[in-house]
Structure formats: C-alpha cells, structure tokens
C-alpha atoms as a PDB file:
ATOM      1  CA  MET A   1       0.000   0.000   0.000  1.00  0.00           C
ATOM      2  CA  ALA A   2       2.836   2.375   0.906  1.00  0.00           C
ATOM      3  CA  ALA A   3       4.546   1.656  -2.431  1.00  0.00           C
ATOM      4  CA  SER A   4       1.299   2.344  -4.246  1.00  0.00           C
ATOM      5  CA  ASP A   5       0.838   5.677  -2.424  1.00  0.00           C
ATOM      6  CA  THR A   6       4.411   6.660  -3.263  1.00  0.00           C
ATOM      7  CA  THR A   7       3.896   5.854  -6.932  1.00  0.00           C
ATOM      8  CA  GLU A   8       0.689   7.869  -6.985  1.00  0.00           C
ATOM      9  CA  ARG A   9       2.418  10.880  -5.382  1.00  0.00           C
ATOM     10  CA  VAL A  10       5.253  10.669  -7.897  1.00  0.00           C
ATOM     11  CA  ARG A  11       2.785  10.461 -10.787  1.00  0.00           C
ATOM     12  CA  ARG A  12       0.790  13.389  -9.426  1.00  0.00           C
ATOM     13  CA  ARG A  13       3.930  15.463  -8.903  1.00  0.00           C
ATOM     14  CA  THR A  14       5.102  14.672 -12.414  1.00  0.00           C
ATOM     15  CA  LEU A  15       1.714  15.685 -13.820  1.00  0.00           C
ATOM     16  CA  ASP A  16       1.756  18.906 -11.824  1.00  0.00           C
ATOM     17  CA  GLU A  17       5.253  19.696 -13.084  1.00  0.00           C
ATOM     18  CA  LEU A  18       4.189  19.084 -16.680  1.00  0.00           C
ATOM     19  CA  MET A  19       1.144  21.307 -16.287  1.00  0.00           C
ATOM     20  CA  ALA A  20       3.260  24.026 -14.691  1.00  0.00           C
ATOM     21  CA  GLU A  21       5.795  23.803 -17.515  1.00  0.00           C
ATOM     22  CA  SER A  22       3.028  23.940 -20.106  1.00  0.00           C
ATOM     23  CA  ALA A  23       1.545  27.032 -18.424  1.00  0.00           C
ATOM     24  CA  ARG A  24       4.987  28.663 -18.304  1.00  0.00           C
ATOM     25  CA  MET A  25       5.585  28.001 -22.012  1.00  0.00           C
ATOM     26  CA  THR A  26       2.139  29.403 -22.819  1.00  0.00           C
ATOM     27  CA  ARG A  27       2.948  32.592 -20.899  1.00  0.00           C
ATOM     28  CA  VAL A  28       6.303  32.901 -22.653  1.00  0.00           C
ATOM     29  CA  GLN A  29       4.700  32.397 -26.064  1.00  0.00           C
ATOM     30  CA  ARG A  30       1.968  34.910 -25.282  1.00  0.00           C
ATOM     31  CA  SER A  31       4.517  37.470 -24.083  1.00  0.00           C
ATOM     32  CA  ARG A  32       6.630  36.922 -27.193  1.00  0.00           C
ATOM     33  CA  ASN A  33       3.612  37.381 -29.462  1.00  0.00           C
ATOM     34  CA  LEU A  34       2.609  40.573 -27.644  1.00  0.00           C
ATOM     35  CA  LEU A  35       6.157  41.910 -27.978  1.00  0.00           C
ATOM     36  CA  ILE A  36       6.265  41.127 -31.714  1.00  0.00           C
ATOM     37  CA  THR A  37       2.862  42.765 -32.190  1.00  0.00           C
ATOM     38  CA  ALA A  38       3.975  45.868 -30.288  1.00  0.00           C
ATOM     39  CA  ILE A  39       7.181  46.150 -32.358  1.00  0.00           C
ATOM     40  CA  PHE A  40       5.195  45.729 -35.585  1.00  0.00           C
ATOM     41  CA  LEU A  41       2.727  48.463 -34.578  1.00  0.00           C
ATOM     42  CA  VAL A  42       5.599  50.806 -33.728  1.00  0.00           C
ATOM     43  CA  ILE A  43       7.173  50.156 -37.142  1.00  0.00           C
ATOM     44  CA  VAL A  44       3.847  50.770 -38.910  1.00  0.00           C
ATOM     45  CA  TYR A  45       3.337  54.027 -37.000  1.00  0.00           C
ATOM     46  CA  TYR A  46       6.898  55.142 -37.794  1.00  0.00           C
ATOM     47  CA  THR A  47       6.408  54.459 -41.517  1.00  0.00           C
ATOM     48  CA  TYR A  48       3.043  56.246 -41.347  1.00  0.00           C
ATOM     49  CA  ILE A  49       4.827  59.374 -40.126  1.00  0.00           C
ATOM     50  CA  LYS A  50       7.796  59.124 -42.477  1.00  0.00           C
ATOM     51  CA  THR A  51       5.697  58.574 -45.621  1.00  0.00           C
ATOM     52  CA  GLU A  52       3.456  61.564 -44.807  1.00  0.00           C
ATOM     53  CA  PHE A  53       0.385  59.392 -45.260  1.00  0.00           C
ATOM     54  CA  ASP A  54      -2.738  61.562 -45.365  1.00  0.00           C
ATOM     55  CA  ALA A  55      -6.108  59.941 -45.926  1.00  0.00           C
ATOM     56  CA  GLY A  56      -7.747  63.365 -46.047  1.00  0.00           C
ATOM     57  CA  ALA A  57      -5.701  64.293 -49.121  1.00  0.00           C
ATOM     58  CA  ILE A  58      -7.482  61.567 -51.063  1.00  0.00           C
ATOM     59  CA  ILE A  59     -10.813  63.276 -50.402  1.00  0.00           C
ATOM     60  CA  LEU A  60      -9.335  66.731 -50.968  1.00  0.00           C
ATOM     61  CA  HIS A  61      -8.088  65.776 -54.439  1.00  0.00           C
ATOM     62  CA  ALA A  62     -11.044  63.622 -55.401  1.00  0.00           C
ATOM     63  CA  ASP A  63     -11.742  65.945 -58.357  1.00  0.00           C
ATOM     64  CA  ASN A  64      -8.398  64.968 -59.903  1.00  0.00           C
ATOM     65  CA  MET A  65      -9.302  61.304 -59.553  1.00  0.00           C
ATOM     66  CA  GLY A  66     -12.636  62.093 -61.195  1.00  0.00           C
ATOM     67  CA  ARG A  67     -10.872  63.548 -64.241  1.00  0.00           C
ATOM     68  CA  VAL A  68      -8.617  60.516 -64.516  1.00  0.00           C
ATOM     69  CA  LEU A  69     -11.504  58.076 -64.237  1.00  0.00           C
ATOM     70  CA  GLY A  70     -13.498  60.177 -66.676  1.00  0.00           C
ATOM     71  CA  GLY A  71     -10.755  59.800 -69.251  1.00  0.00           C
ATOM     72  CA  PHE A  72     -10.512  56.084 -68.542  1.00  0.00           C
ATOM     73  CA  SER A  73     -14.240  55.670 -69.157  1.00  0.00           C
ATOM     74  CA  HIS A  74     -13.767  56.453 -72.869  1.00  0.00           C
ATOM     75  CA  PRO A  75     -10.793  54.402 -74.164  1.00  0.00           C
ATOM     76  CA  ASP A  76      -9.369  55.769 -77.404  1.00  0.00           C
ATOM     77  CA  THR A  77      -8.847  53.039 -80.005  1.00  0.00           C
ATOM     78  CA  THR A  78      -7.092  55.274 -82.555  1.00  0.00           C
ATOM     79  CA  GLN A  79      -3.684  54.347 -81.087  1.00  0.00           C
ATOM     80  CA  LEU A  80      -4.515  50.645 -80.798  1.00  0.00           C
ATOM     81  CA  PRO A  81      -2.221  49.452 -83.651  1.00  0.00           C
ATOM     82  CA  ILE A  82       0.898  51.069 -82.123  1.00  0.00           C
ATOM     83  CA  ILE A  83      -0.109  49.878 -78.652  1.00  0.00           C
ATOM     84  CA  ILE A  84      -0.455  46.289 -79.875  1.00  0.00           C
ATOM     85  CA  LYS A  85       2.869  46.523 -81.702  1.00  0.00           C
ATOM     86  CA  LEU A  86       4.689  47.716 -78.583  1.00  0.00           C
ATOM     87  CA  THR A  87       2.821  45.183 -76.428  1.00  0.00           C
ATOM     88  CA  LEU A  88       4.117  42.378 -78.630  1.00  0.00           C
ATOM     89  CA  GLU A  89       7.615  43.871 -78.405  1.00  0.00           C
ATOM     90  CA  THR A  90       7.275  43.826 -74.610  1.00  0.00           C
ATOM     91  CA  LEU A  91       6.227  40.177 -74.783  1.00  0.00           C
ATOM     92  CA  TYR A  92       9.160  39.307 -77.060  1.00  0.00           C
ATOM     93  CA  ILE A  93      11.578  40.931 -74.601  1.00  0.00           C
ATOM     94  CA  ALA A  94      10.146  38.930 -71.696  1.00  0.00           C
ATOM     95  CA  ILE A  95      10.174  35.613 -73.606  1.00  0.00           C
ATOM     96  CA  LEU A  96      13.733  35.894 -74.909  1.00  0.00           C
ATOM     97  CA  GLY A  97      15.114  37.382 -71.696  1.00  0.00           C
ATOM     98  CA  THR A  98      13.534  34.671 -69.551  1.00  0.00           C
ATOM     99  CA  THR A  99      14.741  31.905 -71.879  1.00  0.00           C
ATOM    100  CA  ILE A 100      18.352  33.087 -71.973  1.00  0.00           C
ATOM    101  CA  GLY A 101      18.296  33.766 -68.236  1.00  0.00           C
ATOM    102  CA  ALA A 102      17.015  30.250 -67.528  1.00  0.00           C
ATOM    103  CA  LEU A 103      19.702  28.677 -69.710  1.00  0.00           C
ATOM    104  CA  ILE A 104      22.345  30.463 -67.635  1.00  0.00           C
ATOM    105  CA  ALA A 105      20.610  29.987 -64.286  1.00  0.00           C
ATOM    106  CA  VAL A 106      20.022  26.223 -64.523  1.00  0.00           C
ATOM    107  CA  PRO A 107      23.700  25.157 -64.375  1.00  0.00           C
ATOM    108  CA  LEU A 108      24.518  28.029 -62.004  1.00  0.00           C
ATOM    109  CA  SER A 109      21.851  26.892 -59.536  1.00  0.00           C
ATOM    110  CA  PHE A 110      23.627  23.587 -58.869  1.00  0.00           C
ATOM    111  CA  PHE A 111      26.670  25.508 -57.657  1.00  0.00           C
ATOM    112  CA  GLY A 112      24.408  27.475 -55.316  1.00  0.00           C
ATOM    113  CA  ALA A 113      22.806  24.419 -53.672  1.00  0.00           C
ATOM    114  CA  ARG A 114      24.061  23.838 -50.143  1.00  0.00           C
ATOM    115  CA  ASN A 115      23.522  20.076 -50.110  1.00  0.00           C
ATOM    116  CA  LEU A 116      25.581  19.578 -53.288  1.00  0.00           C
ATOM    117  CA  MET A 117      28.437  22.006 -52.755  1.00  0.00           C
ATOM    118  CA  ARG A 118      29.205  22.271 -49.033  1.00  0.00           C
ATOM    119  CA  ARG A 119      31.098  18.990 -48.797  1.00  0.00           C
ATOM    120  CA  ASN A 120      34.649  20.307 -49.033  1.00  0.00           C
ATOM    121  CA  PRO A 121      36.444  23.684 -48.706  1.00  0.00           C
ATOM    122  CA  VAL A 122      36.548  24.329 -52.468  1.00  0.00           C
ATOM    123  CA  GLY A 123      32.864  23.529 -52.917  1.00  0.00           C
ATOM    124  CA  THR A 124      31.982  25.717 -49.934  1.00  0.00           C
ATOM    125  CA  ALA A 125      33.919  28.646 -51.404  1.00  0.00           C
ATOM    126  CA  VAL A 126      32.159  28.233 -54.752  1.00  0.00           C
ATOM    127  CA  TYR A 127      28.809  27.977 -52.982  1.00  0.00           C
ATOM    128  CA  PHE A 128      29.227  31.273 -51.121  1.00  0.00           C
ATOM    129  CA  ALA A 129      30.553  33.020 -54.236  1.00  0.00           C
ATOM    130  CA  VAL A 130      27.543  31.920 -56.305  1.00  0.00           C
ATOM    131  CA  ARG A 131      25.055  32.800 -53.579  1.00  0.00           C
ATOM    132  CA  PHE A 132      26.619  36.255 -53.255  1.00  0.00           C
ATOM    133  CA  LEU A 133      26.373  36.730 -57.015  1.00  0.00           C
ATOM    134  CA  MET A 134      22.698  35.725 -56.952  1.00  0.00           C
ATOM    135  CA  ALA A 135      21.998  38.191 -54.144  1.00  0.00           C
ATOM    136  CA  VAL A 136      23.755  41.052 -55.944  1.00  0.00           C
ATOM    137  CA  ILE A 137      21.840  40.472 -59.185  1.00  0.00           C
ATOM    138  CA  ARG A 138      18.478  40.213 -57.424  1.00  0.00           C
ATOM    139  CA  SER A 139      19.098  43.300 -55.314  1.00  0.00           C
ATOM    140  CA  ILE A 140      19.194  45.510 -58.437  1.00  0.00           C
ATOM    141  CA  PRO A 141      15.739  46.063 -60.024  1.00  0.00           C
ATOM    142  CA  THR A 142      15.185  45.193 -63.664  1.00  0.00           C
ATOM    143  CA  LEU A 143      14.664  48.879 -64.492  1.00  0.00           C
ATOM    144  CA  PHE A 144      18.172  49.690 -63.240  1.00  0.00           C
ATOM    145  CA  TRP A 145      19.620  46.845 -65.302  1.00  0.00           C
ATOM    146  CA  GLY A 146      17.784  48.377 -68.255  1.00  0.00           C
ATOM    147  CA  ILE A 147      19.446  51.742 -67.637  1.00  0.00           C
ATOM    148  CA  MET A 148      22.855  50.088 -67.446  1.00  0.00           C
ATOM    149  CA  TRP A 149      22.427  48.111 -70.664  1.00  0.00           C
ATOM    150  CA  VAL A 150      21.058  51.154 -72.508  1.00  0.00           C
ATOM    151  CA  ILE A 151      24.212  53.027 -71.489  1.00  0.00           C
ATOM    152  CA  VAL A 152      26.379  50.098 -72.629  1.00  0.00           C
ATOM    153  CA  ILE A 153      24.789  49.144 -75.952  1.00  0.00           C
ATOM    154  CA  GLY A 154      22.295  51.893 -76.742  1.00  0.00           C
ATOM    155  CA  ILE A 155      18.540  52.350 -76.980  1.00  0.00           C
ATOM    156  CA  GLY A 156      16.359  49.494 -78.228  1.00  0.00           C
ATOM    157  CA  PRO A 157      14.711  46.205 -77.293  1.00  0.00           C
ATOM    158  CA  PHE A 158      18.074  44.402 -77.203  1.00  0.00           C
ATOM    159  CA  ALA A 159      18.927  46.350 -74.052  1.00  0.00           C
ATOM    160  CA  GLY A 160      15.589  45.259 -72.606  1.00  0.00           C
ATOM    161  CA  VAL A 161      16.350  41.616 -73.369  1.00  0.00           C
ATOM    162  CA  LEU A 162      19.709  41.900 -71.608  1.00  0.00           C
ATOM    163  CA  ALA A 163      18.096  43.593 -68.597  1.00  0.00           C
ATOM    164  CA  VAL A 164      15.489  40.845 -68.263  1.00  0.00           C
ATOM    165  CA  THR A 165      18.154  38.179 -68.801  1.00  0.00           C
ATOM    166  CA  THR A 166      20.366  39.597 -66.071  1.00  0.00           C
ATOM    167  CA  PHE A 167      17.602  39.783 -63.488  1.00  0.00           C
ATOM    168  CA  SER A 168      16.291  36.343 -64.501  1.00  0.00           C
ATOM    169  CA  VAL A 169      19.681  34.768 -63.801  1.00  0.00           C
ATOM    170  CA  GLY A 170      19.554  35.979 -60.203  1.00  0.00           C
ATOM    171  CA  LEU A 171      15.898  35.114 -59.635  1.00  0.00           C
ATOM    172  CA  ILE A 172      15.731  31.716 -61.358  1.00  0.00           C
ATOM    173  CA  SER A 173      19.055  30.470 -59.966  1.00  0.00           C
ATOM    174  CA  LYS A 174      17.839  31.337 -56.462  1.00  0.00           C
ATOM    175  CA  LEU A 175      14.562  29.453 -56.967  1.00  0.00           C
ATOM    176  CA  PHE A 176      16.293  26.486 -58.598  1.00  0.00           C
ATOM    177  CA  SER A 177      18.950  26.160 -55.900  1.00  0.00           C
ATOM    178  CA  GLU A 178      16.275  26.109 -53.193  1.00  0.00           C
ATOM    179  CA  ALA A 179      14.399  23.399 -55.089  1.00  0.00           C
ATOM    180  CA  ILE A 180      17.612  21.356 -55.296  1.00  0.00           C
ATOM    181  CA  GLU A 181      18.202  21.762 -51.555  1.00  0.00           C
ATOM    182  CA  ALA A 182      14.725  20.319 -50.878  1.00  0.00           C
ATOM    183  CA  VAL A 183      15.211  17.056 -52.815  1.00  0.00           C
ATOM    184  CA  ASP A 184      14.865  13.635 -51.193  1.00  0.00           C
ATOM    185  CA  TRP A 185      18.441  12.593 -50.470  1.00  0.00           C
ATOM    186  CA  GLY A 186      17.644   8.835 -50.513  1.00  0.00           C
ATOM    187  CA  PRO A 187      18.004   8.321 -54.298  1.00  0.00           C
ATOM    188  CA  VAL A 188      21.188  10.392 -54.268  1.00  0.00           C
ATOM    189  CA  GLU A 189      22.739   8.229 -51.568  1.00  0.00           C
ATOM    190  CA  ALA A 190      21.637   5.065 -53.396  1.00  0.00           C
ATOM    191  CA  LEU A 191      23.329   6.214 -56.605  1.00  0.00           C
ATOM    192  CA  THR A 192      26.461   7.207 -54.698  1.00  0.00           C
ATOM    193  CA  ALA A 193      26.583   3.761 -53.063  1.00  0.00           C
ATOM    194  CA  THR A 194      26.551   2.103 -56.484  1.00  0.00           C
ATOM    195  CA  GLY A 195      29.641   4.058 -57.519  1.00  0.00           C
ATOM    196  CA  ALA A 196      27.969   6.744 -59.650  1.00  0.00           C
ATOM    197  CA  ASN A 197      30.051   9.869 -60.231  1.00  0.00           C
ATOM    198  CA  SER A 198      28.894  13.418 -59.457  1.00  0.00           C
ATOM    199  CA  ILE A 199      27.430  14.064 -62.904  1.00  0.00           C
ATOM    200  CA  GLN A 200      25.491  10.789 -62.886  1.00  0.00           C
ATOM    201  CA  VAL A 201      24.156  11.558 -59.411  1.00  0.00           C
ATOM    202  CA  VAL A 202      22.919  14.966 -60.539  1.00  0.00           C
ATOM    203  CA  VAL A 203      21.430  13.707 -63.823  1.00  0.00           C
ATOM    204  CA  HIS A 204      19.689  10.635 -62.402  1.00  0.00           C
ATOM    205  CA  GLY A 205      19.132  11.529 -58.742  1.00  0.00           C
ATOM    206  CA  VAL A 206      18.550  15.287 -58.589  1.00  0.00           C
ATOM    207  CA  ILE A 207      17.187  16.546 -61.911  1.00  0.00           C
ATOM    208  CA  PRO A 208      14.199  14.128 -62.096  1.00  0.00           C
ATOM    209  CA  GLN A 209      13.059  15.359 -58.688  1.00  0.00           C
ATOM    210  CA  VAL A 210      13.406  19.097 -59.367  1.00  0.00           C
ATOM    211  CA  LEU A 211      12.380  19.240 -63.040  1.00  0.00           C
ATOM    212  CA  PRO A 212       8.678  20.010 -62.381  1.00  0.00           C
ATOM    213  CA  TYR A 213       9.647  22.761 -59.951  1.00  0.00           C
ATOM    214  CA  MET A 214      12.158  24.143 -62.441  1.00  0.00           C
ATOM    215  CA  ILE A 215       9.461  24.466 -65.092  1.00  0.00           C
ATOM    216  CA  ALA A 216       7.081  26.057 -62.576  1.00  0.00           C
ATOM    217  CA  ASN A 217       9.748  28.528 -61.469  1.00  0.00           C
ATOM    218  CA  ILE A 218      10.549  29.492 -65.055  1.00  0.00           C
ATOM    219  CA  LEU A 219       6.862  30.201 -65.669  1.00  0.00           C
ATOM    220  CA  TYR A 220       6.694  32.289 -62.505  1.00  0.00           C
ATOM    221  CA  SER A 221       9.815  34.206 -63.541  1.00  0.00           C
ATOM    222  CA  PHE A 222       8.271  34.802 -66.962  1.00  0.00           C
ATOM    223  CA  GLU A 223       5.225  36.381 -65.314  1.00  0.00           C
ATOM    224  CA  VAL A 224       7.476  38.673 -63.279  1.00  0.00           C
ATOM    225  CA  ASN A 225       9.483  39.596 -66.376  1.00  0.00           C
ATOM    226  CA  VAL A 226       6.373  40.465 -68.396  1.00  0.00           C
ATOM    227  CA  HIS A 227       5.402  42.940 -65.700  1.00  0.00           C
ATOM    228  CA  SER A 228       8.938  44.348 -65.560  1.00  0.00           C
ATOM    229  CA  SER A 229       9.266  44.587 -69.349  1.00  0.00           C
ATOM    230  CA  THR A 230       6.184  46.787 -69.519  1.00  0.00           C
ATOM    231  CA  ILE A 231       8.076  49.724 -67.986  1.00  0.00           C
ATOM    232  CA  LEU A 232      11.540  49.130 -69.503  1.00  0.00           C
ATOM    233  CA  GLY A 233      10.711  51.405 -72.428  1.00  0.00           C
ATOM    234  CA  ALA A 234      10.755  54.318 -69.977  1.00  0.00           C
ATOM    235  CA  VAL A 235      14.574  54.128 -70.068  1.00  0.00           C
ATOM    236  CA  GLY A 236      14.786  53.374 -73.792  1.00  0.00           C
ATOM    237  CA  ALA A 237      14.930  49.592 -73.498  1.00  0.00           C
ATOM    238  CA  GLY A 238      11.991  48.837 -75.809  1.00  0.00           C
ATOM    239  CA  GLY A 239       8.395  47.931 -75.168  1.00  0.00           C
ATOM    240  CA  LEU A 240       5.467  49.929 -73.828  1.00  0.00           C
ATOM    241  CA  GLY A 241       7.254  52.072 -71.262  1.00  0.00           C
ATOM    242  CA  LEU A 242       8.028  55.091 -73.439  1.00  0.00           C
ATOM    243  CA  ILE A 243       4.532  55.520 -74.842  1.00  0.00           C
ATOM    244  CA  LEU A 244       3.117  54.865 -71.371  1.00  0.00           C
ATOM    245  CA  LEU A 245       5.066  57.820 -69.955  1.00  0.00           C
ATOM    246  CA  GLU A 246       4.102  59.910 -72.965  1.00  0.00           C
ATOM    247  CA  TYR A 247       0.391  59.350 -72.362  1.00  0.00           C
ATOM    248  CA  ILE A 248       0.788  60.147 -68.661  1.00  0.00           C
ATOM    249  CA  GLY A 249       2.850  63.281 -69.312  1.00  0.00           C
ATOM    250  CA  LEU A 250       0.379  64.628 -71.879  1.00  0.00           C
ATOM    251  CA  PHE A 251      -2.660  63.687 -69.757  1.00  0.00           C
ATOM    252  CA  GLU A 252      -3.952  61.510 -72.594  1.00  0.00           C
ATOM    253  CA  TYR A 253      -6.142  59.424 -70.334  1.00  0.00           C
ATOM    254  CA  PRO A 254      -8.327  57.837 -73.054  1.00  0.00           C
ATOM    255  CA  GLN A 255      -5.198  56.542 -74.861  1.00  0.00           C
ATOM    256  CA  LEU A 256      -3.729  55.482 -71.504  1.00  0.00           C
ATOM    257  CA  ALA A 257      -6.937  53.597 -70.731  1.00  0.00           C
ATOM    258  CA  MET A 258      -6.650  51.672 -74.005  1.00  0.00           C
ATOM    259  CA  LEU A 259      -3.023  50.842 -73.245  1.00  0.00           C
ATOM    260  CA  LEU A 260      -3.893  49.588 -69.773  1.00  0.00           C
ATOM    261  CA  ILE A 261      -6.720  47.440 -71.134  1.00  0.00           C
ATOM    262  CA  VAL A 262      -4.311  45.738 -73.539  1.00  0.00           C
ATOM    263  CA  VAL A 263      -1.726  45.242 -70.776  1.00  0.00           C
ATOM    264  CA  ILE A 264      -4.334  43.814 -68.388  1.00  0.00           C
ATOM    265  CA  VAL A 265      -5.584  41.370 -71.016  1.00  0.00           C
ATOM    266  CA  MET A 266      -2.017  40.272 -71.821  1.00  0.00           C
ATOM    267  CA  THR A 267      -0.865  39.829 -68.222  1.00  0.00           C
ATOM    268  CA  SER A 268      -4.099  38.161 -67.103  1.00  0.00           C
ATOM    269  CA  THR A 269      -3.900  35.647 -69.949  1.00  0.00           C
ATOM    270  CA  ILE A 270      -0.288  34.847 -69.094  1.00  0.00           C
ATOM    271  CA  ASP A 271      -0.996  34.604 -65.358  1.00  0.00           C
ATOM    272  CA  TYR A 272      -3.944  32.224 -65.740  1.00  0.00           C
ATOM    273  CA  SER A 273      -2.185  30.114 -68.378  1.00  0.00           C
ATOM    274  CA  SER A 274       1.018  29.693 -66.378  1.00  0.00           C
ATOM    275  CA  ALA A 275      -0.957  28.967 -63.204  1.00  0.00           C
ATOM    276  CA  ALA A 276      -2.863  26.214 -65.015  1.00  0.00           C
ATOM    277  CA  ILE A 277       0.387  24.713 -66.320  1.00  0.00           C
ATOM    278  CA  ARG A 278       1.976  24.815 -62.853  1.00  0.00           C
ATOM    279  CA  ARG A 279      -1.010  23.014 -61.344  1.00  0.00           C
ATOM    280  CA  ARG A 280      -0.615  20.212 -63.868  1.00  0.00           C
ATOM    281  CA  ILE A 281       3.115  19.634 -63.428  1.00  0.00           C
ATOM    282  CA  ILE A 282       3.450  19.965 -59.633  1.00  0.00           C
END
C-alpha cells in the first residue's frame, strides 16, 4: 500500500510539473507574441509618419481622380495598332530574356545548392561566391539593369532583353537552388553507393526530382518579367514604357486607358495560363 501511495504521489507530482511547464511556455509564447505585435505596430506608426500618409488628401483631391476616371471611361482606339505593336515587343523581350536567363541559371543553380556544394572547402567557397552573385543580381531592379544596358549598348529592345536576362539569372538560380536543396536525399545516396560519379548523381538523382519545380519557377519568372518589361521602355529599353510615360505626361487618359486594357488582357492571360500549367506539373 505504501509503495502504491508513493507511486501515486510521484505520478501526481510529475503531472503537476508538466502542467506548470506547459503554463509557463504558454505565458512565454503569449509574451513573445505581444512583444512582436507591439514592435510591428511601432514600425507601422513610424512608416506612417515618415511617408506623410494623409487619408484626407485623397478626399481633398477627389476631383483629380474624377478627371482621370473620366478619361478612362472612354478608351481611345485610334492608337490601338501602335499599342499592340509595342505590347508584342514587350512580350518578345520577356520571352527571350527569360529563356536566356534560364539557360544560364540552370547550371549556375547547382553551384548554389548547399547540399551539393558544401562537402569540401573548395565547394563551400564556390557555394558562397555563387550565392553572393545571386543576391547582388536580385538586389538591383530590372529597371536599373535596363538603364545600365542602354548606357552600354544603346537604346532598343536588345537592351531590354539583356536587362530581363540579367535579373532572370539571379531570380531563377535562387529558386532552382532552393528546389535542389529540398530534394529527397535517398536516391542520391543510393546512386552514390553504387559508384555513380557526381554528374550521374545529378542527372539521375537530382534533376528528375526538381524538373517540375524548375518548369514552374521558369513560368513564374516569366510572369514577373512580363510585368517588368512593360516599364523598360521608360529608359529606352523597348516595349510599352516610353509611350506609357508619354500618355501620362500629356494627360492623354483615353489613350492610356486603351493601353492599360491591352496590358491587363495580356498579363491576365499569361498569369492564368502559367498557373494552369503549374497546377498540372506539380
């Protein structure tokens, strides 16, 4: 009986300790969440002040918005042929830039995958160098790459293609390398155990697993590049950007409305089509 009472006391004490620990962890988690919320609210308030956000100004200048919407309500189709021509040029820039960027990014992404490269000092050095290169390329917006290439080779859609290509290398290689890092390592180890070399391991153990994600990431990058290519003409890199700024500067809202309708139709078609393809391959 005494042994039974002792066991019961030990069990009860253990249960009490577990409940106390659970309550302590709950309090810690609640305090952490409150602290994060407070910090976030402080940041939002600080940005509210620094950006001079003024909801009243929207009402004060409502007449300006009325003029803009009034112009948009009567799209002007007289400029439709030139708009369609420049829209197709924008699409060509995005297609070619994404394709060339993907061709460069695919092999580069393997050198930026942690699980493939960080096995020896040389591989680790290459890994960090490639990751740094990816970060540098992605940190510079496509519009800035467009300015640089226009300075280097001159005005025209070729500069736009190079700008999209450059940004695509950084974006796609980042997405690809993360897909490679998420592969199931079992098939890779099985191939290694059979004596397969590094190339055979990559071709037969890694690529089959990441191929659907590679295609999906290329489609996603293409969507991003279509949006970016729309404004590249503003710096002389071809596409819709130049005429877009012209319509805005001359307050040609009916022509601007027609341009935006064409852009919305193009981007929506691409977005829905690529989303449908991604759903089928992943």
